[in-house]
C-alpha atoms as a PDB file:
ATOM      1  CA  UNK A   1     139.077  33.240 -59.966  1.00  0.00           C
ATOM      2  CA  UNK A   2     139.986  30.625 -62.576  1.00  0.00           C
ATOM      3  CA  UNK A   3     143.597  31.810 -62.648  1.00  0.00           C
ATOM      4  CA  UNK A   4     143.810  31.473 -58.886  1.00  0.00           C
ATOM      5  CA  UNK A   5     142.616  27.872 -59.141  1.00  0.00           C
ATOM      6  CA  UNK A   6     145.436  27.023 -61.537  1.00  0.00           C
ATOM      7  CA  UNK A   7     148.129  28.579 -59.365  1.00  0.00           C
ATOM      8  CA  UNK A   8     147.029  26.904 -56.132  1.00  0.00           C
ATOM      9  CA  UNK A   9     149.191  24.017 -54.928  1.00  0.00           C
ATOM     10  CA  UNK A  10     146.213  21.629 -54.979  1.00  0.00           C
ATOM     11  CA  UNK A  11     145.845  21.795 -58.767  1.00  0.00           C
ATOM     12  CA  UNK A  12     148.019  19.516 -60.864  1.00  0.00           C
ATOM     13  CA  UNK A  13     147.839  17.595 -64.137  1.00  0.00           C
ATOM     14  CA  UNK A  14     148.791  14.207 -62.678  1.00  0.00           C
ATOM     15  CA  UNK A  15     145.563  12.836 -61.196  1.00  0.00           C
ATOM     16  CA  UNK A  16     144.649   9.566 -62.917  1.00  0.00           C
ATOM     17  CA  UNK A  17     141.179   9.541 -61.379  1.00  0.00           C
ATOM     18  CA  UNK A  18     140.413  13.003 -62.778  1.00  0.00           C
ATOM     19  CA  UNK A  19     141.832  12.109 -66.216  1.00  0.00           C
ATOM     20  CA  UNK A  20     139.631   8.988 -66.235  1.00  0.00           C
ATOM     21  CA  UNK A  21     136.511  10.948 -65.219  1.00  0.00           C
ATOM     22  CA  UNK A  22     137.275  13.736 -67.716  1.00  0.00           C
ATOM     23  CA  UNK A  23     137.812  11.101 -70.428  1.00  0.00           C
ATOM     24  CA  UNK A  24     134.457   9.452 -69.714  1.00  0.00           C
ATOM     25  CA  UNK A  25     132.682  12.836 -69.725  1.00  0.00           C
ATOM     26  CA  UNK A  26     134.424  13.776 -72.971  1.00  0.00           C
ATOM     27  CA  UNK A  27     133.501  10.446 -74.568  1.00  0.00           C
ATOM     28  CA  UNK A  28     129.810  11.000 -73.768  1.00  0.00           C
ATOM     29  CA  UNK A  29     129.975  14.473 -75.278  1.00  0.00           C
ATOM     30  CA  UNK A  30     131.782  13.091 -78.333  1.00  0.00           C
ATOM     31  CA  UNK A  31     129.014  10.524 -78.832  1.00  0.00           C
ATOM     32  CA  UNK A  32     126.364  13.250 -78.953  1.00  0.00           C
ATOM     33  CA  UNK A  33     128.437  15.684 -80.996  1.00  0.00           C
ATOM     34  CA  UNK A  34     129.489  13.043 -83.532  1.00  0.00           C
ATOM     35  CA  UNK A  35     125.910  11.871 -84.051  1.00  0.00           C
ATOM     36  CA  UNK A  36     124.737  15.343 -85.038  1.00  0.00           C
ATOM     37  CA  UNK A  37     127.895  16.289 -86.915  1.00  0.00           C
ATOM     38  CA  UNK A  38     128.259  13.076 -88.923  1.00  0.00           C
ATOM     39  CA  UNK A  39     124.518  12.867 -89.524  1.00  0.00           C
ATOM     40  CA  UNK A  40     124.423  16.354 -91.005  1.00  0.00           C
ATOM     41  CA  UNK A  41     127.446  15.841 -93.236  1.00  0.00           C
ATOM     42  CA  UNK A  42     126.146  12.432 -94.342  1.00  0.00           C
ATOM     43  CA  UNK A  43     122.743  13.905 -95.213  1.00  0.00           C
ATOM     44  CA  UNK A  44     124.263  16.490 -97.549  1.00  0.00           C
ATOM     45  CA  UNK A  45     126.762  14.006 -98.965  1.00  0.00           C
ATOM     46  CA  UNK A  46     124.332  11.145 -99.633  1.00  0.00           C
ATOM     47  CA  UNK A  47     121.602  13.321-101.086  1.00  0.00           C
ATOM     48  CA  UNK A  48     124.017  15.384-103.177  1.00  0.00           C
ATOM     49  CA  UNK A  49     122.778  18.709-101.841  1.00  0.00           C
ATOM     50  CA  UNK A  50     125.096  21.409-103.144  1.00  0.00           C
ATOM     51  CA  UNK A  51     125.766  23.748-100.231  1.00  0.00           C
ATOM     52  CA  UNK A  52     129.095  25.420 -99.545  1.00  0.00           C
ATOM     53  CA  UNK A  53     131.300  23.245 -97.327  1.00  0.00           C
ATOM     54  CA  UNK A  54     131.550  25.947 -94.659  1.00  0.00           C
ATOM     55  CA  UNK A  55     127.740  26.211 -94.451  1.00  0.00           C
ATOM     56  CA  UNK A  56     127.454  22.444 -94.050  1.00  0.00           C
ATOM     57  CA  UNK A  57     130.119  22.479 -91.353  1.00  0.00           C
ATOM     58  CA  UNK A  58     128.406  25.329 -89.491  1.00  0.00           C
ATOM     59  CA  UNK A  59     125.124  23.399 -89.561  1.00  0.00           C
ATOM     60  CA  UNK A  60     126.949  20.212 -88.544  1.00  0.00           C
ATOM     61  CA  UNK A  61     128.482  22.049 -85.575  1.00  0.00           C
ATOM     62  CA  UNK A  62     125.117  23.366 -84.448  1.00  0.00           C
ATOM     63  CA  UNK A  63     123.491  19.946 -84.841  1.00  0.00           C
ATOM     64  CA  UNK A  64     126.384  18.291 -83.006  1.00  0.00           C
ATOM     65  CA  UNK A  65     125.933  20.607 -80.044  1.00  0.00           C
ATOM     66  CA  UNK A  66     122.162  20.050 -80.049  1.00  0.00           C
ATOM     67  CA  UNK A  67     122.468  16.254 -80.147  1.00  0.00           C
ATOM     68  CA  UNK A  68     125.058  16.389 -77.369  1.00  0.00           C
ATOM     69  CA  UNK A  69     122.632  18.405 -75.240  1.00  0.00           C
ATOM     70  CA  UNK A  70     119.824  15.950 -76.090  1.00  0.00           C
ATOM     71  CA  UNK A  71     121.951  12.930 -75.136  1.00  0.00           C
ATOM     72  CA  UNK A  72     123.055  14.554 -71.891  1.00  0.00           C
ATOM     73  CA  UNK A  73     119.434  15.455 -71.076  1.00  0.00           C
ATOM     74  CA  UNK A  74     118.463  11.810 -71.603  1.00  0.00           C
ATOM     75  CA  UNK A  75     121.318  10.568 -69.403  1.00  0.00           C
ATOM     76  CA  UNK A  76     120.570  13.085 -66.643  1.00  0.00           C
ATOM     77  CA  UNK A  77     116.819  12.385 -66.773  1.00  0.00           C
ATOM     78  CA  UNK A  78     117.520   9.068 -65.067  1.00  0.00           C
ATOM     79  CA  UNK A  79     118.849  11.015 -62.061  1.00  0.00           C
ATOM     80  CA  UNK A  80     116.525  14.052 -62.009  1.00  0.00           C
ATOM     81  CA  UNK A  81     113.265  15.312 -63.437  1.00  0.00           C
ATOM     82  CA  UNK A  82     113.328  16.038 -67.174  1.00  0.00           C
ATOM     83  CA  UNK A  83     113.083  19.819 -66.846  1.00  0.00           C
ATOM     84  CA  UNK A  84     116.045  19.962 -64.456  1.00  0.00           C
ATOM     85  CA  UNK A  85     117.985  17.538 -66.661  1.00  0.00           C
ATOM     86  CA  UNK A  86     117.438  19.786 -69.678  1.00  0.00           C
ATOM     87  CA  UNK A  87     118.461  22.934 -67.779  1.00  0.00           C
ATOM     88  CA  UNK A  88     121.586  21.162 -66.532  1.00  0.00           C
ATOM     89  CA  UNK A  89     122.482  19.968 -70.035  1.00  0.00           C
ATOM     90  CA  UNK A  90     121.974  23.448 -71.469  1.00  0.00           C
ATOM     91  CA  UNK A  91     124.232  24.910 -68.770  1.00  0.00           C
ATOM     92  CA  UNK A  92     127.124  22.585 -69.481  1.00  0.00           C
ATOM     93  CA  UNK A  93     130.310  23.769 -71.103  1.00  0.00           C
ATOM     94  CA  UNK A  94     129.803  25.087 -74.604  1.00  0.00           C
ATOM     95  CA  UNK A  95     133.535  25.791 -74.711  1.00  0.00           C
ATOM     96  CA  UNK A  96     134.206  22.069 -74.659  1.00  0.00           C
ATOM     97  CA  UNK A  97     131.571  21.289 -77.291  1.00  0.00           C
ATOM     98  CA  UNK A  98     132.731  24.068 -79.616  1.00  0.00           C
ATOM     99  CA  UNK A  99     136.358  22.923 -79.285  1.00  0.00           C
ATOM    100  CA  UNK A 100     135.283  19.375 -80.075  1.00  0.00           C
ATOM    101  CA  UNK A 101     133.218  20.346 -83.098  1.00  0.00           C
ATOM    102  CA  UNK A 102     135.886  22.731 -84.395  1.00  0.00           C
ATOM    103  CA  UNK A 103     138.569  20.052 -84.185  1.00  0.00           C
ATOM    104  CA  UNK A 104     136.402  17.461 -85.936  1.00  0.00           C
ATOM    105  CA  UNK A 105     135.466  19.797 -88.782  1.00  0.00           C
ATOM    106  CA  UNK A 106     139.015  21.155 -89.151  1.00  0.00           C
ATOM    107  CA  UNK A 107     140.316  17.596 -89.598  1.00  0.00           C
ATOM    108  CA  UNK A 108     137.590  16.873 -92.142  1.00  0.00           C
ATOM    109  CA  UNK A 109     138.433  20.055 -94.049  1.00  0.00           C
ATOM    110  CA  UNK A 110     142.181  19.417 -93.996  1.00  0.00           C
ATOM    111  CA  UNK A 111     141.978  15.760 -95.035  1.00  0.00           C
ATOM    112  CA  UNK A 112     139.110  15.816 -97.523  1.00  0.00           C
ATOM    113  CA  UNK A 113     139.022  19.425 -98.643  1.00  0.00           C
ATOM    114  CA  UNK A 114     135.451  19.939 -97.520  1.00  0.00           C
ATOM    115  CA  UNK A 115     132.534  18.470 -95.632  1.00  0.00           C
ATOM    116  CA  UNK A 116     132.885  14.824 -96.637  1.00  0.00           C
ATOM    117  CA  UNK A 117     132.769  11.607 -94.658  1.00  0.00           C
ATOM    118  CA  UNK A 118     135.016   8.724 -95.664  1.00  0.00           C
ATOM    119  CA  UNK A 119     135.769   5.545 -93.759  1.00  0.00           C
ATOM    120  CA  UNK A 120     139.381   6.557 -93.081  1.00  0.00           C
ATOM    121  CA  UNK A 121     138.798  10.169 -92.005  1.00  0.00           C
ATOM    122  CA  UNK A 122     136.058   9.478 -89.430  1.00  0.00           C
ATOM    123  CA  UNK A 123     138.343   7.851 -86.810  1.00  0.00           C
ATOM    124  CA  UNK A 124     140.802  10.741 -87.158  1.00  0.00           C
ATOM    125  CA  UNK A 125     137.951  13.231 -86.734  1.00  0.00           C
ATOM    126  CA  UNK A 126     136.799  11.399 -83.602  1.00  0.00           C
ATOM    127  CA  UNK A 127     140.311  11.332 -82.141  1.00  0.00           C
ATOM    128  CA  UNK A 128     140.740  15.067 -82.746  1.00  0.00           C
ATOM    129  CA  UNK A 129     137.280  15.760 -81.313  1.00  0.00           C
ATOM    130  CA  UNK A 130     138.134  13.774 -78.191  1.00  0.00           C
ATOM    131  CA  UNK A 131     141.596  15.245 -77.608  1.00  0.00           C
ATOM    132  CA  UNK A 132     140.787  18.926 -78.268  1.00  0.00           C
ATOM    133  CA  UNK A 133     138.597  19.550 -75.185  1.00  0.00           C
ATOM    134  CA  UNK A 134     140.115  16.904 -72.884  1.00  0.00           C
ATOM    135  CA  UNK A 135     142.641  19.181 -71.087  1.00  0.00           C
ATOM    136  CA  UNK A 136     139.933  21.806 -70.556  1.00  0.00           C
ATOM    137  CA  UNK A 137     137.558  19.162 -69.206  1.00  0.00           C
ATOM    138  CA  UNK A 138     140.274  17.887 -66.851  1.00  0.00           C
ATOM    139  CA  UNK A 139     141.036  21.417 -65.657  1.00  0.00           C
ATOM    140  CA  UNK A 140     137.374  22.247 -65.132  1.00  0.00           C
ATOM    141  CA  UNK A 141     136.832  19.051 -63.145  1.00  0.00           C
ATOM    142  CA  UNK A 142     140.053  19.277 -61.109  1.00  0.00           C
ATOM    143  CA  UNK A 143     140.271  23.019 -60.458  1.00  0.00           C
ATOM    144  CA  UNK A 144     136.589  23.905 -60.247  1.00  0.00           C
ATOM    145  CA  UNK A 145     135.028  20.574 -59.298  1.00  0.00           C
ATOM    146  CA  UNK A 146     132.641  20.857 -62.241  1.00  0.00           C
ATOM    147  CA  UNK A 147     132.028  18.235 -64.875  1.00  0.00           C
ATOM    148  CA  UNK A 148     131.608  19.672 -68.342  1.00  0.00           C
ATOM    149  CA  UNK A 149     129.209  16.982 -69.521  1.00  0.00           C
END
């Protein structure tokens, strides 16, 4: 079904409204993901806890996804009851969140050699985390009419 949506004449990559909406959705997800990801890495870095970098990054990814779900639940709870908001947040696109987290941690690994936050790498991590899922979020919104976040 997804392939049919891409090949239909109504789908295209040139809708400014959809890019704007997908960008806003992605930015909200990035806020939640970055809070959990950066918080986890900072905890290990500041307290000097000697874990393997890949273990820290795996934990940071999990915490990033959880904080993104928590933020989305909070945002949605203003529009619906808390239980429904939580179920909606849980059902949102993990593909997008995993792409975001993977991009952020890959940039960190490539630029610092491990799980380490520095003032100059954080903006690059955020840019990569924003750009990685953006086309998917656009496609999901445009072709399927579903917001990822």
